[in-house]
Amino acid sequence: MLIAFSVAPSGIGSAAAENPDGSVHDAVAAAVAVVRASGLPHRTTSMFTEIEGEWDEVFAVVKAATDAVLPYGSRVSLVLKADIRPGRTGEMDGKVDRLEQALERRTD
């Protein structure tokens, strides 16, 4: 399965530093560090982090990443999208490869 998720704090938490521009990069870095340490295939973009693996292992990483953000705010927002396709692996790149092939076939 593929999971795309975004986690961010709001409010003031014990680990929140003075940050006049409202950036949440320190909290996001804490979440991404958890993802990277998981050993699962992953990709982080400016808006989401994608993880690929089995249901239980992927959701364990999402929970741990969310827990890592908790100290940065009085609450945490989690946005999650899942592509559940049993028996498939390598879809993080496979889906993009198939899209690129489809674009190359277009004759517009």
PDB file of N, CA and C in Angstrom:
ATOM      1  N   MET A   1       0.838  -1.178   0.000  1.00  0.00           N
ATOM      2  CA  MET A   1       0.000   0.000   0.000  1.00  0.00           C
ATOM      3  C   MET A   1       0.878   1.235   0.000  1.00  0.00           C
ATOM      4  N   LEU A   2       0.332   2.290  -0.557  1.00  0.00           N
ATOM      5  CA  LEU A   2       0.985   3.596  -0.527  1.00  0.00           C
ATOM      6  C   LEU A   2       0.182   4.505   0.390  1.00  0.00           C
ATOM      7  N   ILE A   3       0.886   5.256   1.203  1.00  0.00           N
ATOM      8  CA  ILE A   3       0.265   6.266   2.049  1.00  0.00           C
ATOM      9  C   ILE A   3       0.934   7.598   1.745  1.00  0.00           C
ATOM     10  N   ALA A   4       0.146   8.605   1.490  1.00  0.00           N
ATOM     11  CA  ALA A   4       0.638   9.981   1.414  1.00  0.00           C
ATOM     12  C   ALA A   4       0.068  10.697   2.627  1.00  0.00           C
ATOM     13  N   PHE A   5       0.949  11.300   3.408  1.00  0.00           N
ATOM     14  CA  PHE A   5       0.436  11.976   4.596  1.00  0.00           C
ATOM     15  C   PHE A   5       1.175  13.278   4.847  1.00  0.00           C
ATOM     16  N   SER A   6       0.489  14.148   5.570  1.00  0.00           N
ATOM     17  CA  SER A   6       1.039  15.416   6.005  1.00  0.00           C
ATOM     18  C   SER A   6       0.632  15.592   7.459  1.00  0.00           C
ATOM     19  N   VAL A   7       1.578  15.929   8.288  1.00  0.00           N
ATOM     20  CA  VAL A   7       1.300  16.126   9.706  1.00  0.00           C
ATOM     21  C   VAL A   7       1.916  17.460  10.128  1.00  0.00           C
ATOM     22  N   ALA A   8       1.146  18.245  10.862  1.00  0.00           N
ATOM     23  CA  ALA A   8       1.618  19.566  11.277  1.00  0.00           C
ATOM     24  C   ALA A   8       0.991  19.956  12.610  1.00  0.00           C
ATOM     25  N   PRO A   9       1.768  20.652  13.434  1.00  0.00           N
ATOM     26  CA  PRO A   9       1.236  21.114  14.711  1.00  0.00           C
ATOM     27  C   PRO A   9       0.507  22.443  14.564  1.00  0.00           C
ATOM     28  N   SER A  10      -0.319  22.733  15.533  1.00  0.00           N
ATOM     29  CA  SER A  10      -0.874  24.077  15.682  1.00  0.00           C
ATOM     30  C   SER A  10      -0.902  24.389  17.162  1.00  0.00           C
ATOM     31  N   GLY A  11      -0.989  25.672  17.478  1.00  0.00           N
ATOM     32  CA  GLY A  11      -0.915  26.077  18.880  1.00  0.00           C
ATOM     33  C   GLY A  11       0.524  26.066  19.356  1.00  0.00           C
ATOM     34  N   ILE A  12       0.700  26.186  20.644  1.00  0.00           N
ATOM     35  CA  ILE A  12       2.035  26.245  21.241  1.00  0.00           C
ATOM     36  C   ILE A  12       2.293  24.966  22.007  1.00  0.00           C
ATOM     37  N   GLY A  13       3.434  24.345  21.741  1.00  0.00           N
ATOM     38  CA  GLY A  13       3.827  23.133  22.441  1.00  0.00           C
ATOM     39  C   GLY A  13       5.142  23.320  23.160  1.00  0.00           C
ATOM     40  N   SER A  14       5.530  22.332  23.937  1.00  0.00           N
ATOM     41  CA  SER A  14       6.738  22.434  24.743  1.00  0.00           C
ATOM     42  C   SER A  14       8.014  22.523  23.910  1.00  0.00           C
ATOM     43  N   ALA A  15       8.024  21.971  22.699  1.00  0.00           N
ATOM     44  CA  ALA A  15       9.219  21.998  21.863  1.00  0.00           C
ATOM     45  C   ALA A  15       9.186  23.119  20.835  1.00  0.00           C
ATOM     46  N   ALA A  16       8.120  23.885  20.810  1.00  0.00           N
ATOM     47  CA  ALA A  16       8.010  24.953  19.812  1.00  0.00           C
ATOM     48  C   ALA A  16       8.942  26.102  20.166  1.00  0.00           C
ATOM     49  N   ALA A  17       9.787  26.450  19.238  1.00  0.00           N
ATOM     50  CA  ALA A  17      10.688  27.591  19.431  1.00  0.00           C
ATOM     51  C   ALA A  17      10.000  28.850  18.923  1.00  0.00           C
ATOM     52  N   GLU A  18      10.532  29.985  19.288  1.00  0.00           N
ATOM     53  CA  GLU A  18      10.022  31.237  18.738  1.00  0.00           C
ATOM     54  C   GLU A  18      10.197  31.173  17.226  1.00  0.00           C
ATOM     55  N   ASN A  19       9.138  31.311  16.506  1.00  0.00           N
ATOM     56  CA  ASN A  19       9.200  31.220  15.058  1.00  0.00           C
ATOM     57  C   ASN A  19       8.232  32.244  14.470  1.00  0.00           C
ATOM     58  N   PRO A  20       8.720  33.471  14.246  1.00  0.00           N
ATOM     59  CA  PRO A  20       7.823  34.548  13.839  1.00  0.00           C
ATOM     60  C   PRO A  20       7.162  34.353  12.477  1.00  0.00           C
ATOM     61  N   ASP A  21       7.752  33.524  11.593  1.00  0.00           N
ATOM     62  CA  ASP A  21       7.139  33.355  10.274  1.00  0.00           C
ATOM     63  C   ASP A  21       6.108  32.233  10.241  1.00  0.00           C
ATOM     64  N   GLY A  22       5.893  31.553  11.367  1.00  0.00           N
ATOM     65  CA  GLY A  22       4.877  30.512  11.442  1.00  0.00           C
ATOM     66  C   GLY A  22       5.280  29.193  10.811  1.00  0.00           C
ATOM     67  N   SER A  23       6.536  29.064  10.424  1.00  0.00           N
ATOM     68  CA  SER A  23       6.997  27.836   9.789  1.00  0.00           C
ATOM     69  C   SER A  23       6.936  26.659  10.759  1.00  0.00           C
ATOM     70  N   VAL A  24       6.656  25.491  10.225  1.00  0.00           N
ATOM     71  CA  VAL A  24       6.600  24.275  11.038  1.00  0.00           C
ATOM     72  C   VAL A  24       7.714  23.296  10.647  1.00  0.00           C
ATOM     73  N   HIS A  25       8.789  23.831  10.051  1.00  0.00           N
ATOM     74  CA  HIS A  25       9.838  22.949   9.540  1.00  0.00           C
ATOM     75  C   HIS A  25      10.495  22.082  10.609  1.00  0.00           C
ATOM     76  N   ASP A  26      10.656  22.567  11.821  1.00  0.00           N
ATOM     77  CA  ASP A  26      11.262  21.740  12.870  1.00  0.00           C
ATOM     78  C   ASP A  26      10.369  20.545  13.216  1.00  0.00           C
ATOM     79  N   ALA A  27       9.074  20.778  13.285  1.00  0.00           N
ATOM     80  CA  ALA A  27       8.134  19.692  13.570  1.00  0.00           C
ATOM     81  C   ALA A  27       8.089  18.702  12.416  1.00  0.00           C
ATOM     82  N   VAL A  28       8.069  19.208  11.196  1.00  0.00           N
ATOM     83  CA  VAL A  28       8.055  18.327  10.025  1.00  0.00           C
ATOM     84  C   VAL A  28       9.348  17.525   9.963  1.00  0.00           C
ATOM     85  N   ALA A  29      10.464  18.150  10.301  1.00  0.00           N
ATOM     86  CA  ALA A  29      11.743  17.425  10.323  1.00  0.00           C
ATOM     87  C   ALA A  29      11.699  16.270  11.317  1.00  0.00           C
ATOM     88  N   ALA A  30      11.047  16.469  12.450  1.00  0.00           N
ATOM     89  CA  ALA A  30      10.920  15.389  13.436  1.00  0.00           C
ATOM     90  C   ALA A  30      10.121  14.228  12.852  1.00  0.00           C
ATOM     91  N   ALA A  31       9.062  14.532  12.113  1.00  0.00           N
ATOM     92  CA  ALA A  31       8.241  13.485  11.487  1.00  0.00           C
ATOM     93  C   ALA A  31       9.006  12.778  10.379  1.00  0.00           C
ATOM     94  N   VAL A  32       9.680  13.524   9.535  1.00  0.00           N
ATOM     95  CA  VAL A  32      10.421  12.931   8.419  1.00  0.00           C
ATOM     96  C   VAL A  32      11.573  12.074   8.929  1.00  0.00           C
ATOM     97  N   ALA A  33      12.195  12.465  10.026  1.00  0.00           N
ATOM     98  CA  ALA A  33      13.260  11.641  10.611  1.00  0.00           C
ATOM     99  C   ALA A  33      12.734  10.263  11.003  1.00  0.00           C
ATOM    100  N   VAL A  34      11.526  10.224  11.525  1.00  0.00           N
ATOM    101  CA  VAL A  34      10.895   8.941  11.870  1.00  0.00           C
ATOM    102  C   VAL A  34      10.682   8.107  10.610  1.00  0.00           C
ATOM    103  N   VAL A  35      10.190   8.724   9.565  1.00  0.00           N
ATOM    104  CA  VAL A  35       9.951   8.010   8.304  1.00  0.00           C
ATOM    105  C   VAL A  35      11.263   7.457   7.763  1.00  0.00           C
ATOM    106  N   ARG A  36      12.284   8.275   7.729  1.00  0.00           N
ATOM    107  CA  ARG A  36      13.578   7.827   7.193  1.00  0.00           C
ATOM    108  C   ARG A  36      14.168   6.690   8.013  1.00  0.00           C
ATOM    109  N   ALA A  37      13.986   6.738   9.313  1.00  0.00           N
ATOM    110  CA  ALA A  37      14.515   5.682  10.182  1.00  0.00           C
ATOM    111  C   ALA A  37      13.744   4.371  10.040  1.00  0.00           C
ATOM    112  N   SER A  38      12.558   4.425   9.454  1.00  0.00           N
ATOM    113  CA  SER A  38      11.716   3.227   9.350  1.00  0.00           C
ATOM    114  C   SER A  38      12.283   2.185   8.388  1.00  0.00           C
ATOM    115  N   GLY A  39      13.062   2.622   7.429  1.00  0.00           N
ATOM    116  CA  GLY A  39      13.584   1.705   6.427  1.00  0.00           C
ATOM    117  C   GLY A  39      12.621   1.408   5.295  1.00  0.00           C
ATOM    118  N   LEU A  40      11.400   1.934   5.367  1.00  0.00           N
ATOM    119  CA  LEU A  40      10.422   1.726   4.291  1.00  0.00           C
ATOM    120  C   LEU A  40      10.724   2.665   3.125  1.00  0.00           C
ATOM    121  N   PRO A  41      10.374   2.258   1.906  1.00  0.00           N
ATOM    122  CA  PRO A  41      10.515   3.175   0.777  1.00  0.00           C
ATOM    123  C   PRO A  41       9.678   4.427   1.043  1.00  0.00           C
ATOM    124  N   HIS A  42      10.260   5.589   0.781  1.00  0.00           N
ATOM    125  CA  HIS A  42       9.559   6.836   1.074  1.00  0.00           C
ATOM    126  C   HIS A  42      10.035   7.946   0.148  1.00  0.00           C
ATOM    127  N   ARG A  43       9.240   9.001   0.088  1.00  0.00           N
ATOM    128  CA  ARG A  43       9.574  10.193  -0.680  1.00  0.00           C
ATOM    129  C   ARG A  43       8.903  11.366   0.014  1.00  0.00           C
ATOM    130  N   THR A  44       9.631  12.449   0.191  1.00  0.00           N
ATOM    131  CA  THR A  44       9.066  13.652   0.790  1.00  0.00           C
ATOM    132  C   THR A  44       9.099  14.775  -0.236  1.00  0.00           C
ATOM    133  N   THR A  45       7.966  15.454  -0.369  1.00  0.00           N
ATOM    134  CA  THR A  45       7.873  16.626  -1.236  1.00  0.00           C
ATOM    135  C   THR A  45       7.534  17.829  -0.355  1.00  0.00           C
ATOM    136  N   SER A  46       7.280  18.939  -0.979  1.00  0.00           N
ATOM    137  CA  SER A  46       6.992  20.153  -0.209  1.00  0.00           C
ATOM    138  C   SER A  46       5.686  20.073   0.567  1.00  0.00           C
ATOM    139  N   MET A  47       4.797  19.156   0.181  1.00  0.00           N
ATOM    140  CA  MET A  47       3.491  19.097   0.825  1.00  0.00           C
ATOM    141  C   MET A  47       3.171  17.786   1.529  1.00  0.00           C
ATOM    142  N   PHE A  48       3.748  16.662   1.070  1.00  0.00           N
ATOM    143  CA  PHE A  48       3.405  15.356   1.613  1.00  0.00           C
ATOM    144  C   PHE A  48       4.634  14.469   1.706  1.00  0.00           C
ATOM    145  N   THR A  49       4.508  13.440   2.519  1.00  0.00           N
ATOM    146  CA  THR A  49       5.473  12.352   2.548  1.00  0.00           C
ATOM    147  C   THR A  49       4.733  11.090   2.150  1.00  0.00           C
ATOM    148  N   GLU A  50       5.320  10.325   1.233  1.00  0.00           N
ATOM    149  CA  GLU A  50       4.750   9.061   0.794  1.00  0.00           C
ATOM    150  C   GLU A  50       5.566   7.930   1.404  1.00  0.00           C
ATOM    151  N   ILE A  51       4.880   6.865   1.804  1.00  0.00           N
ATOM    152  CA  ILE A  51       5.525   5.664   2.339  1.00  0.00           C
ATOM    153  C   ILE A  51       4.870   4.466   1.665  1.00  0.00           C
ATOM    154  N   GLU A  52       5.678   3.437   1.392  1.00  0.00           N
ATOM    155  CA  GLU A  52       5.139   2.212   0.816  1.00  0.00           C
ATOM    156  C   GLU A  52       5.482   1.037   1.710  1.00  0.00           C
ATOM    157  N   GLY A  53       4.505   0.168   1.931  1.00  0.00           N
ATOM    158  CA  GLY A  53       4.725  -1.030   2.737  1.00  0.00           C
ATOM    159  C   GLY A  53       3.413  -1.717   3.042  1.00  0.00           C
ATOM    160  N   GLU A  54       3.465  -2.631   3.979  1.00  0.00           N
ATOM    161  CA  GLU A  54       2.268  -3.334   4.417  1.00  0.00           C
ATOM    162  C   GLU A  54       1.479  -2.457   5.386  1.00  0.00           C
ATOM    163  N   TRP A  55       0.187  -2.732   5.467  1.00  0.00           N
ATOM    164  CA  TRP A  55      -0.749  -1.923   6.265  1.00  0.00           C
ATOM    165  C   TRP A  55      -0.204  -1.610   7.666  1.00  0.00           C
ATOM    166  N   ASP A  56       0.111  -2.634   8.441  1.00  0.00           N
ATOM    167  CA  ASP A  56       0.507  -2.423   9.835  1.00  0.00           C
ATOM    168  C   ASP A  56       1.811  -1.638   9.958  1.00  0.00           C
ATOM    169  N   GLU A  57       2.774  -1.912   9.098  1.00  0.00           N
ATOM    170  CA  GLU A  57       4.055  -1.214   9.222  1.00  0.00           C
ATOM    171  C   GLU A  57       3.929   0.245   8.774  1.00  0.00           C
ATOM    172  N   VAL A  58       3.145   0.514   7.749  1.00  0.00           N
ATOM    173  CA  VAL A  58       2.966   1.882   7.275  1.00  0.00           C
ATOM    174  C   VAL A  58       2.227   2.719   8.322  1.00  0.00           C
ATOM    175  N   PHE A  59       1.151   2.166   8.874  1.00  0.00           N
ATOM    176  CA  PHE A  59       0.404   2.922   9.869  1.00  0.00           C
ATOM    177  C   PHE A  59       1.186   3.097  11.174  1.00  0.00           C
ATOM    178  N   ALA A  60       2.059   2.166  11.497  1.00  0.00           N
ATOM    179  CA  ALA A  60       2.928   2.336  12.671  1.00  0.00           C
ATOM    180  C   ALA A  60       3.866   3.524  12.472  1.00  0.00           C
ATOM    181  N   VAL A  61       4.369   3.686  11.257  1.00  0.00           N
ATOM    182  CA  VAL A  61       5.254   4.823  10.962  1.00  0.00           C
ATOM    183  C   VAL A  61       4.477   6.132  11.013  1.00  0.00           C
ATOM    184  N   VAL A  62       3.269   6.152  10.465  1.00  0.00           N
ATOM    185  CA  VAL A  62       2.447   7.369  10.506  1.00  0.00           C
ATOM    186  C   VAL A  62       2.151   7.749  11.957  1.00  0.00           C
ATOM    187  N   LYS A  63       1.835   6.774  12.790  1.00  0.00           N
ATOM    188  CA  LYS A  63       1.574   7.063  14.205  1.00  0.00           C
ATOM    189  C   LYS A  63       2.818   7.611  14.885  1.00  0.00           C
ATOM    190  N   ALA A  64       3.968   6.985  14.646  1.00  0.00           N
ATOM    191  CA  ALA A  64       5.218   7.443  15.269  1.00  0.00           C
ATOM    192  C   ALA A  64       5.590   8.845  14.779  1.00  0.00           C
ATOM    193  N   ALA A  65       5.371   9.124  13.504  1.00  0.00           N
ATOM    194  CA  ALA A  65       5.658  10.458  12.971  1.00  0.00           C
ATOM    195  C   ALA A  65       4.727  11.495  13.590  1.00  0.00           C
ATOM    196  N   THR A  66       3.466  11.134  13.765  1.00  0.00           N
ATOM    197  CA  THR A  66       2.509  12.037  14.412  1.00  0.00           C
ATOM    198  C   THR A  66       2.913  12.284  15.862  1.00  0.00           C
ATOM    199  N   ASP A  67       3.309  11.229  16.566  1.00  0.00           N
ATOM    200  CA  ASP A  67       3.770  11.377  17.954  1.00  0.00           C
ATOM    201  C   ASP A  67       4.993  12.290  18.038  1.00  0.00           C
ATOM    202  N   ALA A  68       5.864  12.247  17.018  1.00  0.00           N
ATOM    203  CA  ALA A  68       7.067  13.086  17.017  1.00  0.00           C
ATOM    204  C   ALA A  68       6.722  14.566  16.871  1.00  0.00           C
ATOM    205  N   VAL A  69       5.565  14.863  16.295  1.00  0.00           N
ATOM    206  CA  VAL A  69       5.146  16.253  16.098  1.00  0.00           C
ATOM    207  C   VAL A  69       4.407  16.808  17.315  1.00  0.00           C
ATOM    208  N   LEU A  70       3.846  15.948  18.141  1.00  0.00           N
ATOM    209  CA  LEU A  70       3.041  16.391  19.291  1.00  0.00           C
ATOM    210  C   LEU A  70       3.713  17.441  20.178  1.00  0.00           C
ATOM    211  N   PRO A  71       5.010  17.348  20.476  1.00  0.00           N
ATOM    212  CA  PRO A  71       5.613  18.366  21.345  1.00  0.00           C
ATOM    213  C   PRO A  71       5.654  19.779  20.746  1.00  0.00           C
ATOM    214  N   TYR A  72       5.403  19.913  19.459  1.00  0.00           N
ATOM    215  CA  TYR A  72       5.512  21.204  18.788  1.00  0.00           C
ATOM    216  C   TYR A  72       4.225  22.007  18.783  1.00  0.00           C
ATOM    217  N   GLY A  73       3.140  21.470  19.318  1.00  0.00           N
ATOM    218  CA  GLY A  73       1.888  22.213  19.335  1.00  0.00           C
ATOM    219  C   GLY A  73       0.938  21.659  20.370  1.00  0.00           C
ATOM    220  N   SER A  74      -0.130  22.378  20.591  1.00  0.00           N
ATOM    221  CA  SER A  74      -1.143  21.903  21.532  1.00  0.00           C
ATOM    222  C   SER A  74      -2.103  20.930  20.850  1.00  0.00           C
ATOM    223  N   ARG A  75      -2.011  20.848  19.514  1.00  0.00           N
ATOM    224  CA  ARG A  75      -2.777  19.877  18.755  1.00  0.00           C
ATOM    225  C   ARG A  75      -2.034  19.581  17.459  1.00  0.00           C
ATOM    226  N   VAL A  76      -2.422  18.492  16.800  1.00  0.00           N
ATOM    227  CA  VAL A  76      -1.761  18.076  15.570  1.00  0.00           C
ATOM    228  C   VAL A  76      -2.820  17.772  14.515  1.00  0.00           C
ATOM    229  N   SER A  77      -2.553  18.200  13.297  1.00  0.00           N
ATOM    230  CA  SER A  77      -3.422  17.905  12.166  1.00  0.00           C
ATOM    231  C   SER A  77      -2.744  16.847  11.297  1.00  0.00           C
ATOM    232  N   LEU A  78      -3.504  15.817  10.933  1.00  0.00           N
ATOM    233  CA  LEU A  78      -2.992  14.741  10.099  1.00  0.00           C
ATOM    234  C   LEU A  78      -3.896  14.604   8.877  1.00  0.00           C
ATOM    235  N   VAL A  79      -3.298  14.699   7.683  1.00  0.00           N
ATOM    236  CA  VAL A  79      -3.998  14.464   6.429  1.00  0.00           C
ATOM    237  C   VAL A  79      -3.392  13.205   5.832  1.00  0.00           C
ATOM    238  N   LEU A  80      -4.250  12.265   5.435  1.00  0.00           N
ATOM    239  CA  LEU A  80      -3.761  10.975   4.969  1.00  0.00           C
ATOM    240  C   LEU A  80      -4.556  10.503   3.761  1.00  0.00           C
ATOM    241  N   LYS A  81      -3.851   9.988   2.773  1.00  0.00           N
ATOM    242  CA  LYS A  81      -4.482   9.385   1.606  1.00  0.00           C
ATOM    243  C   LYS A  81      -3.802   8.051   1.373  1.00  0.00           C
ATOM    244  N   ALA A  82      -4.588   6.997   1.129  1.00  0.00           N
ATOM    245  CA  ALA A  82      -4.033   5.654   0.955  1.00  0.00           C
ATOM    246  C   ALA A  82      -4.450   5.070  -0.383  1.00  0.00           C
ATOM    247  N   ASP A  83      -3.532   4.339  -1.001  1.00  0.00           N
ATOM    248  CA  ASP A  83      -3.800   3.543  -2.191  1.00  0.00           C
ATOM    249  C   ASP A  83      -3.536   2.096  -1.792  1.00  0.00           C
ATOM    250  N   ILE A  84      -4.598   1.345  -1.601  1.00  0.00           N
ATOM    251  CA  ILE A  84      -4.499  -0.025  -1.098  1.00  0.00           C
ATOM    252  C   ILE A  84      -4.660  -0.965  -2.291  1.00  0.00           C
ATOM    253  N   ARG A  85      -3.564  -1.618  -2.656  1.00  0.00           N
ATOM    254  CA  ARG A  85      -3.559  -2.491  -3.826  1.00  0.00           C
ATOM    255  C   ARG A  85      -2.797  -3.759  -3.467  1.00  0.00           C
ATOM    256  N   PRO A  86      -3.493  -4.738  -2.867  1.00  0.00           N
ATOM    257  CA  PRO A  86      -2.829  -5.963  -2.394  1.00  0.00           C
ATOM    258  C   PRO A  86      -2.013  -6.645  -3.491  1.00  0.00           C
ATOM    259  N   GLY A  87      -0.851  -7.127  -3.097  1.00  0.00           N
ATOM    260  CA  GLY A  87       0.009  -7.869  -4.000  1.00  0.00           C
ATOM    261  C   GLY A  87       0.923  -7.020  -4.855  1.00  0.00           C
ATOM    262  N   ARG A  88       0.811  -5.706  -4.763  1.00  0.00           N
ATOM    263  CA  ARG A  88       1.654  -4.824  -5.572  1.00  0.00           C
ATOM    264  C   ARG A  88       2.748  -4.225  -4.713  1.00  0.00           C
ATOM    265  N   THR A  89       3.944  -4.133  -5.260  1.00  0.00           N
ATOM    266  CA  THR A  89       5.053  -3.428  -4.620  1.00  0.00           C
ATOM    267  C   THR A  89       5.713  -2.550  -5.672  1.00  0.00           C
ATOM    268  N   GLY A  90       6.529  -1.624  -5.237  1.00  0.00           N
ATOM    269  CA  GLY A  90       7.217  -0.733  -6.164  1.00  0.00           C
ATOM    270  C   GLY A  90       6.312   0.278  -6.833  1.00  0.00           C
ATOM    271  N   GLU A  91       5.159   0.509  -6.246  1.00  0.00           N
ATOM    272  CA  GLU A  91       4.178   1.395  -6.864  1.00  0.00           C
ATOM    273  C   GLU A  91       4.512   2.878  -6.696  1.00  0.00           C
ATOM    274  N   MET A  92       5.360   3.214  -5.755  1.00  0.00           N
ATOM    275  CA  MET A  92       5.730   4.616  -5.584  1.00  0.00           C
ATOM    276  C   MET A  92       6.341   5.150  -6.883  1.00  0.00           C
ATOM    277  N   ASP A  93       7.181   4.340  -7.504  1.00  0.00           N
ATOM    278  CA  ASP A  93       7.768   4.708  -8.789  1.00  0.00           C
ATOM    279  C   ASP A  93       6.945   4.165  -9.955  1.00  0.00           C
ATOM    280  N   GLY A  94       6.346   2.988  -9.788  1.00  0.00           N
ATOM    281  CA  GLY A  94       5.599   2.355 -10.867  1.00  0.00           C
ATOM    282  C   GLY A  94       4.452   3.211 -11.373  1.00  0.00           C
ATOM    283  N   LYS A  95       3.720   3.833 -10.461  1.00  0.00           N
ATOM    284  CA  LYS A  95       2.593   4.672 -10.870  1.00  0.00           C
ATOM    285  C   LYS A  95       3.072   5.866 -11.688  1.00  0.00           C
ATOM    286  N   VAL A  96       4.173   6.459 -11.270  1.00  0.00           N
ATOM    287  CA  VAL A  96       4.714   7.617 -11.984  1.00  0.00           C
ATOM    288  C   VAL A  96       5.259   7.183 -13.346  1.00  0.00           C
ATOM    289  N   ASP A  97       5.928   6.039 -13.390  1.00  0.00           N
ATOM    290  CA  ASP A  97       6.442   5.523 -14.665  1.00  0.00           C
ATOM    291  C   ASP A  97       5.306   5.302 -15.661  1.00  0.00           C
ATOM    292  N   ARG A  98       4.204   4.701 -15.207  1.00  0.00           N
ATOM    293  CA  ARG A  98       3.067   4.470 -16.101  1.00  0.00           C
ATOM    294  C   ARG A  98       2.448   5.779 -16.578  1.00  0.00           C
ATOM    295  N   LEU A  99       2.404   6.770 -15.732  1.00  0.00           N
ATOM    296  CA  LEU A  99       1.908   8.087 -16.127  1.00  0.00           C
ATOM    297  C   LEU A  99       2.799   8.685 -17.206  1.00  0.00           C
ATOM    298  N   GLU A 100       4.109   8.635 -17.003  1.00  0.00           N
ATOM    299  CA  GLU A 100       5.039   9.188 -17.996  1.00  0.00           C
ATOM    300  C   GLU A 100       4.908   8.474 -19.335  1.00  0.00           C
ATOM    301  N   GLN A 101       4.730   7.157 -19.318  1.00  0.00           N
ATOM    302  CA  GLN A 101       4.543   6.399 -20.556  1.00  0.00           C
ATOM    303  C   GLN A 101       3.259   6.835 -21.268  1.00  0.00           C
ATOM    304  N   ALA A 102       2.201   7.038 -20.492  1.00  0.00           N
ATOM    305  CA  ALA A 102       0.937   7.483 -21.075  1.00  0.00           C
ATOM    306  C   ALA A 102       1.098   8.870 -21.700  1.00  0.00           C
ATOM    307  N   LEU A 103       1.832   9.740 -21.050  1.00  0.00           N
ATOM    308  CA  LEU A 103       2.062  11.079 -21.598  1.00  0.00           C
ATOM    309  C   LEU A 103       2.871  11.018 -22.895  1.00  0.00           C
ATOM    310  N   GLU A 104       3.839  10.129 -22.944  1.00  0.00           N
ATOM    311  CA  GLU A 104       4.648   9.983 -24.165  1.00  0.00           C
ATOM    312  C   GLU A 104       3.824   9.473 -25.331  1.00  0.00           C
ATOM    313  N   ARG A 105       2.801   8.650 -25.065  1.00  0.00           N
ATOM    314  CA  ARG A 105       1.956   8.094 -26.126  1.00  0.00           C
ATOM    315  C   ARG A 105       0.952   9.111 -26.682  1.00  0.00           C
ATOM    316  N   ARG A 106       0.731  10.184 -25.961  1.00  0.00           N
ATOM    317  CA  ARG A 106      -0.252  11.175 -26.415  1.00  0.00           C
ATOM    318  C   ARG A 106       0.242  11.824 -27.701  1.00  0.00           C
ATOM    319  N   THR A 107      -0.658  12.092 -28.599  1.00  0.00           N
ATOM    320  CA  THR A 107      -0.302  12.696 -29.883  1.00  0.00           C
ATOM    321  C   THR A 107      -0.890  14.094 -30.046  1.00  0.00           C
ATOM    322  N   ASP A 108      -1.259  14.707 -28.950  1.00  0.00           N
ATOM    323  CA  ASP A 108      -1.900  16.056 -29.016  1.00  0.00           C
ATOM    324  C   ASP A 108      -0.995  17.060 -29.661  1.00  0.00           C
TER     325      ASP A 108
END
